N, C-alpha and C. Protein backbone atom coordinates (compact mmCIF):
# COMPACT_ATOMS: atom_id res chain seq x y z
N MET A 1 -46.68 168.65 -6.94
CA MET A 1 -47.42 168.18 -6.02
C MET A 1 -48.92 168.27 -5.90
N LYS A 2 -49.50 169.54 -5.99
CA LYS A 2 -50.95 169.69 -5.98
C LYS A 2 -51.74 168.71 -7.17
N PHE A 3 -50.94 168.72 -7.97
CA PHE A 3 -51.88 168.03 -9.48
C PHE A 3 -51.58 166.60 -8.52
N LYS A 4 -50.08 166.02 -7.46
CA LYS A 4 -50.54 164.49 -6.90
C LYS A 4 -52.12 164.51 -6.18
N PHE A 5 -51.70 165.38 -5.34
CA PHE A 5 -53.22 165.82 -4.00
C PHE A 5 -54.12 165.84 -4.69
N ALA A 6 -54.34 166.72 -6.09
CA ALA A 6 -56.04 166.22 -6.87
C ALA A 6 -56.03 165.33 -7.80
N ALA A 7 -54.97 164.09 -8.25
CA ALA A 7 -55.47 163.51 -8.39
C ALA A 7 -55.37 161.63 -6.82
N ALA A 8 -54.95 162.61 -6.45
CA ALA A 8 -55.37 161.30 -4.98
C ALA A 8 -56.71 161.75 -4.79
N ALA A 9 -57.35 163.08 -4.49
CA ALA A 9 -58.85 163.63 -4.62
C ALA A 9 -59.25 162.49 -4.91
N ALA A 10 -58.92 162.75 -6.23
CA ALA A 10 -59.87 161.75 -7.07
C ALA A 10 -60.39 160.44 -6.94
N ALA A 11 -58.80 159.89 -6.27
CA ALA A 11 -59.06 158.69 -6.33
C ALA A 11 -60.27 157.92 -4.89
N LEU A 12 -59.98 159.02 -4.21
CA LEU A 12 -61.03 159.19 -2.83
C LEU A 12 -61.83 159.36 -3.14
N VAL A 13 -62.48 159.83 -4.06
CA VAL A 13 -63.88 160.03 -4.22
C VAL A 13 -64.11 158.58 -4.91
N VAL A 14 -63.41 157.40 -5.78
CA VAL A 14 -64.05 156.72 -6.44
C VAL A 14 -63.70 155.49 -5.16
N LEU A 15 -62.78 155.60 -4.73
CA LEU A 15 -63.07 154.19 -3.51
C LEU A 15 -64.20 155.17 -2.52
N SER A 16 -64.92 156.17 -2.21
CA SER A 16 -65.66 156.00 -1.32
C SER A 16 -67.18 156.81 -1.94
N LEU A 17 -67.12 155.97 -3.10
CA LEU A 17 -68.44 155.66 -3.83
C LEU A 17 -69.26 154.95 -3.02
N PRO A 18 -68.83 153.77 -2.62
CA PRO A 18 -70.12 153.05 -1.86
C PRO A 18 -70.52 154.00 -0.36
N ALA A 19 -69.75 154.38 0.18
CA ALA A 19 -70.19 155.04 1.18
C ALA A 19 -71.36 156.30 1.28
N MET A 20 -70.77 156.77 -0.40
CA MET A 20 -71.44 158.12 -0.58
C MET A 20 -72.82 157.75 -0.87
N SER A 21 -73.84 158.96 -1.07
CA SER A 21 -75.29 158.33 -1.83
C SER A 21 -74.63 158.80 -3.05
N SER A 22 -75.98 158.00 -3.94
CA SER A 22 -75.63 157.29 -5.37
C SER A 22 -75.35 159.13 -6.21
N ALA A 23 -76.37 159.91 -5.73
CA ALA A 23 -76.61 161.32 -6.33
C ALA A 23 -74.85 162.29 -6.50
N ASP A 24 -73.89 161.97 -5.41
CA ASP A 24 -72.93 162.77 -5.57
C ASP A 24 -72.10 162.58 -6.19
N ASP A 25 -71.66 163.11 -6.94
CA ASP A 25 -70.66 162.46 -7.93
C ASP A 25 -69.00 163.23 -7.81
N LYS A 26 -69.13 163.60 -6.19
CA LYS A 26 -67.62 163.97 -6.11
C LYS A 26 -67.96 164.35 -4.34
N LEU A 27 -66.50 164.19 -3.44
CA LEU A 27 -66.54 164.69 -2.27
C LEU A 27 -66.98 165.97 -2.21
N LYS A 28 -67.44 166.47 -0.99
CA LYS A 28 -67.93 167.35 -0.70
C LYS A 28 -66.69 167.90 0.69
N TYR A 29 -66.78 169.44 0.74
CA TYR A 29 -65.93 169.59 1.32
C TYR A 29 -66.49 169.43 2.98
N GLU A 30 -67.86 169.67 3.04
CA GLU A 30 -68.12 169.59 4.29
C GLU A 30 -68.09 168.38 5.05
N ASP A 31 -67.78 167.42 3.87
CA ASP A 31 -68.47 165.57 3.99
C ASP A 31 -66.96 165.42 4.68
N LEU A 32 -65.92 165.55 4.49
CA LEU A 32 -64.69 165.40 4.41
C LEU A 32 -64.07 166.32 6.00
N ILE A 33 -64.89 167.16 6.36
CA ILE A 33 -64.33 168.41 7.32
C ILE A 33 -65.18 167.34 8.73
N HIS A 34 -66.72 166.81 7.81
CA HIS A 34 -67.48 166.09 9.07
C HIS A 34 -66.61 165.00 9.24
N CYS A 35 -65.84 164.31 8.70
CA CYS A 35 -65.31 162.99 9.55
C CYS A 35 -64.54 162.76 9.60
N ALA A 36 -63.64 164.25 9.06
CA ALA A 36 -61.94 164.13 9.85
C ALA A 36 -62.64 164.76 11.73
N ALA A 37 -63.64 165.44 11.89
CA ALA A 37 -63.85 165.75 13.24
C ALA A 37 -64.60 164.42 13.38
N THR A 38 -65.39 163.70 13.37
CA THR A 38 -65.90 162.26 13.20
C THR A 38 -64.55 161.23 13.84
N ASN A 39 -63.42 161.71 13.15
CA ASN A 39 -62.27 160.64 13.98
C ASN A 39 -61.56 161.07 14.36
N GLN A 40 -61.66 162.49 15.00
CA GLN A 40 -60.89 163.02 16.04
C GLN A 40 -61.28 162.56 17.27
N VAL A 41 -62.99 162.88 17.20
CA VAL A 41 -63.95 162.67 18.14
C VAL A 41 -63.96 161.45 18.86
N ILE A 42 -63.82 160.00 17.88
CA ILE A 42 -63.66 158.60 18.15
C ILE A 42 -61.95 158.81 18.57
N ALA A 43 -60.96 159.25 17.95
CA ALA A 43 -59.81 159.12 19.00
C ALA A 43 -60.01 160.07 20.29
N GLY A 44 -60.93 160.96 20.38
CA GLY A 44 -60.67 161.21 22.20
C GLY A 44 -61.51 160.25 23.13
N VAL A 45 -62.71 159.42 22.78
CA VAL A 45 -63.22 158.89 23.13
C VAL A 45 -62.29 157.23 23.47
N PHE A 46 -61.51 157.22 22.77
CA PHE A 46 -60.28 155.76 23.10
C PHE A 46 -59.62 156.26 23.67
N SER A 47 -59.16 157.79 23.93
CA SER A 47 -57.95 157.97 25.28
C SER A 47 -58.58 158.80 26.62
N LEU A 48 -60.41 158.63 26.62
CA LEU A 48 -60.83 158.32 27.74
C LEU A 48 -60.11 157.58 29.27
N ASP A 49 -60.11 157.41 30.09
CA ASP A 49 -59.91 156.81 31.33
C ASP A 49 -59.02 155.87 30.82
N GLY A 50 -57.76 156.05 30.59
CA GLY A 50 -56.24 156.14 30.80
C GLY A 50 -56.43 154.75 29.19
N GLY A 51 -56.90 155.35 28.06
CA GLY A 51 -56.92 154.58 26.74
C GLY A 51 -56.11 155.12 26.10
N ASP A 52 -55.76 156.70 26.72
CA ASP A 52 -54.64 157.10 25.76
C ASP A 52 -53.02 156.21 25.90
N ILE A 53 -53.19 155.18 26.95
CA ILE A 53 -52.36 153.94 27.26
C ILE A 53 -52.25 152.57 26.35
N LYS A 54 -53.75 151.93 26.82
CA LYS A 54 -53.85 151.25 25.95
C LYS A 54 -54.90 151.03 24.65
N ASP A 55 -55.05 151.37 24.63
CA ASP A 55 -55.66 152.27 23.16
C ASP A 55 -55.03 153.35 22.24
N LYS A 56 -53.46 153.76 22.37
CA LYS A 56 -52.39 154.34 21.74
C LYS A 56 -52.54 153.95 20.01
N ASP A 57 -52.81 152.70 19.58
CA ASP A 57 -52.54 152.42 18.46
C ASP A 57 -53.70 153.25 17.95
N LYS A 58 -54.80 152.62 18.11
CA LYS A 58 -56.34 153.14 17.53
C LYS A 58 -56.29 154.68 17.90
N ILE A 59 -56.44 154.95 18.91
CA ILE A 59 -56.18 156.14 19.29
C ILE A 59 -55.29 156.94 18.04
N ALA A 60 -53.74 156.70 17.68
CA ALA A 60 -53.11 157.13 16.62
C ALA A 60 -53.53 157.11 14.69
N THR A 61 -54.54 155.86 14.81
CA THR A 61 -55.10 155.45 13.75
C THR A 61 -55.87 156.46 13.52
N TYR A 62 -57.05 156.74 14.47
CA TYR A 62 -58.15 158.06 14.48
C TYR A 62 -57.23 159.23 14.37
N ASN A 63 -56.89 159.45 14.59
CA ASN A 63 -56.00 161.07 14.73
C ASN A 63 -55.30 161.39 12.72
N ASN A 64 -54.33 160.02 12.41
CA ASN A 64 -54.21 160.04 11.26
C ASN A 64 -54.85 160.23 10.07
N GLN A 65 -56.71 159.27 10.37
CA GLN A 65 -57.36 159.21 9.75
C GLN A 65 -57.68 160.87 9.32
N ALA A 66 -58.10 161.46 10.75
CA ALA A 66 -58.74 163.07 10.76
C ALA A 66 -58.05 163.63 10.15
N GLN A 67 -56.21 163.46 10.27
CA GLN A 67 -55.54 164.16 9.62
C GLN A 67 -55.11 164.31 7.50
N ALA A 68 -55.40 162.94 7.31
CA ALA A 68 -55.62 162.56 5.99
C ALA A 68 -56.78 162.84 5.44
N LEU A 69 -57.47 163.09 6.33
CA LEU A 69 -59.34 163.97 5.87
C LEU A 69 -58.67 165.55 5.81
N GLN A 70 -57.94 165.71 6.40
CA GLN A 70 -58.28 167.94 6.30
C GLN A 70 -57.15 167.80 5.14
N VAL A 71 -56.08 166.99 5.05
CA VAL A 71 -55.44 167.60 3.61
C VAL A 71 -55.93 167.14 2.80
N ILE A 72 -57.18 166.58 2.29
CA ILE A 72 -57.81 166.36 0.97
C ILE A 72 -58.48 167.93 1.31
N ALA A 73 -58.96 167.92 2.66
CA ALA A 73 -60.25 168.64 2.52
C ALA A 73 -59.48 170.68 1.95
N ALA A 74 -58.52 170.48 2.29
CA ALA A 74 -57.39 171.63 1.63
C ALA A 74 -57.02 171.73 0.67
N VAL A 75 -56.61 170.49 0.02
CA VAL A 75 -56.35 170.96 -1.61
C VAL A 75 -57.34 170.96 -2.17
N GLY A 76 -58.51 170.35 -1.80
CA GLY A 76 -59.64 170.32 -2.70
C GLY A 76 -60.31 171.33 -2.53
N SER A 77 -60.81 172.23 -1.67
CA SER A 77 -61.09 172.97 -1.68
C SER A 77 -59.91 174.39 -1.29
N SER A 78 -58.79 174.40 -1.84
CA SER A 78 -57.66 175.43 -2.13
C SER A 78 -57.59 176.62 -0.51
N LYS A 79 -58.30 175.70 0.38
CA LYS A 79 -58.81 177.03 1.97
C LYS A 79 -57.05 176.84 2.23
N GLU A 80 -56.85 177.64 3.31
CA GLU A 80 -55.69 177.31 4.14
C GLU A 80 -55.91 176.25 5.11
N ALA A 81 -54.73 175.73 6.16
CA ALA A 81 -54.69 174.55 7.08
C ALA A 81 -55.57 175.09 8.08
N LYS A 82 -55.02 176.36 8.65
CA LYS A 82 -56.01 177.44 9.95
C LYS A 82 -57.34 177.40 9.59
N VAL A 83 -57.93 177.14 8.43
CA VAL A 83 -59.80 177.29 8.18
C VAL A 83 -59.61 175.84 8.26
N VAL A 84 -59.35 174.58 7.37
CA VAL A 84 -59.60 173.46 7.63
C VAL A 84 -60.22 173.49 8.90
N LEU A 85 -58.67 173.81 10.26
CA LEU A 85 -58.78 172.94 11.24
C LEU A 85 -59.64 173.78 11.95
N ASP A 86 -59.75 174.93 11.57
CA ASP A 86 -61.28 176.14 12.15
C ASP A 86 -62.82 175.19 12.32
N ASP A 87 -62.43 174.82 10.83
CA ASP A 87 -64.09 174.33 11.11
C ASP A 87 -63.99 172.65 10.84
N THR A 88 -63.16 172.01 11.17
CA THR A 88 -62.66 170.76 11.95
C THR A 88 -63.57 171.26 13.13
N SER A 89 -63.11 171.79 14.20
CA SER A 89 -63.20 172.22 15.28
C SER A 89 -64.42 172.46 15.75
N LYS A 90 -64.88 173.27 14.85
CA LYS A 90 -66.41 173.59 15.28
C LYS A 90 -67.30 172.24 14.77
N GLU A 91 -66.92 171.17 14.01
CA GLU A 91 -67.17 170.22 13.51
C GLU A 91 -67.11 169.70 14.50
N VAL A 92 -66.22 169.35 15.77
CA VAL A 92 -66.26 168.33 16.49
C VAL A 92 -67.34 169.19 17.77
N ASN A 93 -67.16 170.26 17.71
CA ASN A 93 -68.36 170.32 18.72
C ASN A 93 -69.89 169.84 18.44
N VAL A 94 -69.91 170.29 17.19
CA VAL A 94 -71.55 169.70 16.75
C VAL A 94 -71.40 167.64 16.45
N ILE A 95 -70.80 167.55 16.33
CA ILE A 95 -70.50 166.18 17.04
C ILE A 95 -70.75 166.12 18.95
N ILE A 96 -70.07 165.99 19.03
CA ILE A 96 -69.96 165.98 20.79
C ILE A 96 -71.81 166.40 20.63
N ALA A 97 -72.15 167.65 20.62
CA ALA A 97 -73.85 167.92 21.17
C ALA A 97 -74.70 166.49 20.15
N VAL A 98 -74.09 166.39 19.35
CA VAL A 98 -75.19 164.88 19.19
C VAL A 98 -74.72 163.82 19.89
N LEU A 99 -73.78 163.78 20.22
CA LEU A 99 -73.20 162.44 20.64
C LEU A 99 -74.20 162.59 22.33
N GLY A 100 -73.97 163.59 23.00
CA GLY A 100 -74.97 163.93 24.25
C GLY A 100 -76.72 163.06 24.07
N ASP A 101 -76.69 164.26 22.53
CA ASP A 101 -78.71 163.78 23.14
C ASP A 101 -79.04 162.50 22.01
N LYS A 102 -79.46 162.03 23.21
CA LYS A 102 -79.70 160.58 23.71
C LYS A 102 -80.42 160.03 22.31
N THR A 103 -81.78 160.84 21.78
CA THR A 103 -82.17 160.62 20.49
C THR A 103 -82.10 160.57 19.25
N LYS A 104 -80.41 161.27 19.00
CA LYS A 104 -79.22 161.07 18.09
C LYS A 104 -78.17 160.26 17.94
N ASN A 105 -77.71 160.12 18.91
CA ASN A 105 -76.16 159.38 19.06
C ASN A 105 -76.63 157.75 18.77
N ASP A 106 -77.57 157.05 18.95
CA ASP A 106 -77.59 155.94 18.18
C ASP A 106 -78.04 155.96 17.03
N ASP A 107 -78.08 156.64 16.05
CA ASP A 107 -78.32 156.49 14.53
C ASP A 107 -76.69 157.51 13.77
N PHE A 108 -75.91 158.67 15.13
CA PHE A 108 -75.10 158.36 14.59
C PHE A 108 -73.87 157.76 14.21
N ILE A 109 -74.01 156.73 15.52
CA ILE A 109 -73.01 155.86 16.00
C ILE A 109 -72.94 154.82 14.91
N LYS A 110 -74.23 154.12 13.81
CA LYS A 110 -74.38 153.21 13.84
C LYS A 110 -74.07 153.49 12.09
N THR A 111 -74.61 154.93 12.05
CA THR A 111 -74.02 154.93 10.27
C THR A 111 -73.04 156.21 10.47
N GLU A 112 -72.62 157.41 10.42
CA GLU A 112 -71.51 157.54 10.73
C GLU A 112 -70.09 157.58 11.13
N VAL A 113 -70.22 156.79 12.45
CA VAL A 113 -68.98 156.92 12.82
C VAL A 113 -68.51 155.44 11.72
N PRO A 114 -68.86 154.49 10.66
CA PRO A 114 -68.68 153.59 10.15
C PRO A 114 -68.51 154.07 8.55
N ARG A 115 -69.29 154.98 8.30
CA ARG A 115 -68.28 155.64 7.13
C ARG A 115 -67.45 156.75 7.59
N CYS A 116 -67.39 157.23 8.30
CA CYS A 116 -66.29 158.32 8.14
C CYS A 116 -65.18 157.48 8.64
N ASN A 117 -65.28 156.16 9.14
CA ASN A 117 -63.78 155.55 9.15
C ASN A 117 -63.33 154.62 8.44
N SER A 118 -64.68 154.37 7.61
CA SER A 118 -64.70 154.11 6.25
C SER A 118 -63.69 154.98 4.79
N LEU A 119 -64.51 156.23 5.23
CA LEU A 119 -63.64 157.79 3.89
C LEU A 119 -62.01 157.95 4.76
N GLY A 120 -62.06 157.65 6.29
CA GLY A 120 -60.36 158.52 7.09
C GLY A 120 -59.44 156.82 6.55
N GLU A 121 -60.13 155.71 6.35
CA GLU A 121 -58.90 154.69 5.73
C GLU A 121 -58.64 154.94 4.37
N ALA A 122 -59.55 155.81 3.87
CA ALA A 122 -59.23 155.54 2.05
C ALA A 122 -58.63 157.05 1.99
N ALA A 123 -58.88 158.02 3.48
CA ALA A 123 -57.84 159.30 2.89
C ALA A 123 -56.31 158.95 3.37
N VAL A 124 -56.21 158.15 4.38
CA VAL A 124 -54.64 158.24 4.61
C VAL A 124 -54.47 157.24 3.41
N GLN A 125 -54.79 156.35 3.04
CA GLN A 125 -53.79 155.35 1.84
C GLN A 125 -53.82 156.16 0.59
N VAL A 126 -54.98 156.93 0.53
CA VAL A 126 -54.16 158.31 -0.58
C VAL A 126 -53.92 158.86 -0.45
N VAL A 127 -53.43 159.53 0.22
CA VAL A 127 -52.27 160.26 0.88
C VAL A 127 -51.07 159.83 0.91
N ALA A 128 -50.74 158.76 2.01
CA ALA A 128 -50.19 157.51 1.25
C ALA A 128 -49.10 157.46 -0.20
N ASP A 129 -50.05 157.05 -1.00
CA ASP A 129 -49.70 156.60 -2.14
C ASP A 129 -49.80 158.16 -2.75
N ALA A 130 -50.33 159.00 -3.04
CA ALA A 130 -49.50 160.80 -3.21
C ALA A 130 -47.93 160.52 -2.56
N LYS A 131 -48.02 160.51 -1.57
CA LYS A 131 -46.28 161.00 -0.59
C LYS A 131 -45.64 159.25 -1.49
N ALA A 132 -45.70 158.84 -1.92
CA ALA A 132 -45.30 157.75 -3.22
C ALA A 132 -45.20 158.29 -4.46
N GLY A 133 -46.35 158.97 -4.22
CA GLY A 133 -45.65 158.83 -5.98
C GLY A 133 -46.46 158.41 -6.65
N LYS A 134 -47.50 157.73 -6.35
CA LYS A 134 -48.69 155.98 -6.89
C LYS A 134 -49.53 157.60 -7.61
């Protein structure tokens, strides 16, 4: 099973290459955690002001993407789930601070949100394929 996830992580690298800088030859743990946290923050934003009812599907999508990224981060780094969850929580706080800074939030929304959404979508597919034995 660990081999399947390692193969899945390698497939995720290939799927995410357009979103990564050309100097990167593999995904870094920090990138996965950053994007997991970004997806969690997006889900949180959608849940504000009654969004937990009207945007239930979007919230589930972003939360699923965050979880898939965390799974790949844990497997790829051989870190325990608790460490990955703690690191993601710390990064959530960093992202919230960035979004609260008017000099940084626009650039973050334009660059990081789409990049992390794409990476999250790819992670969900990779994890689903690994579970299906593909």
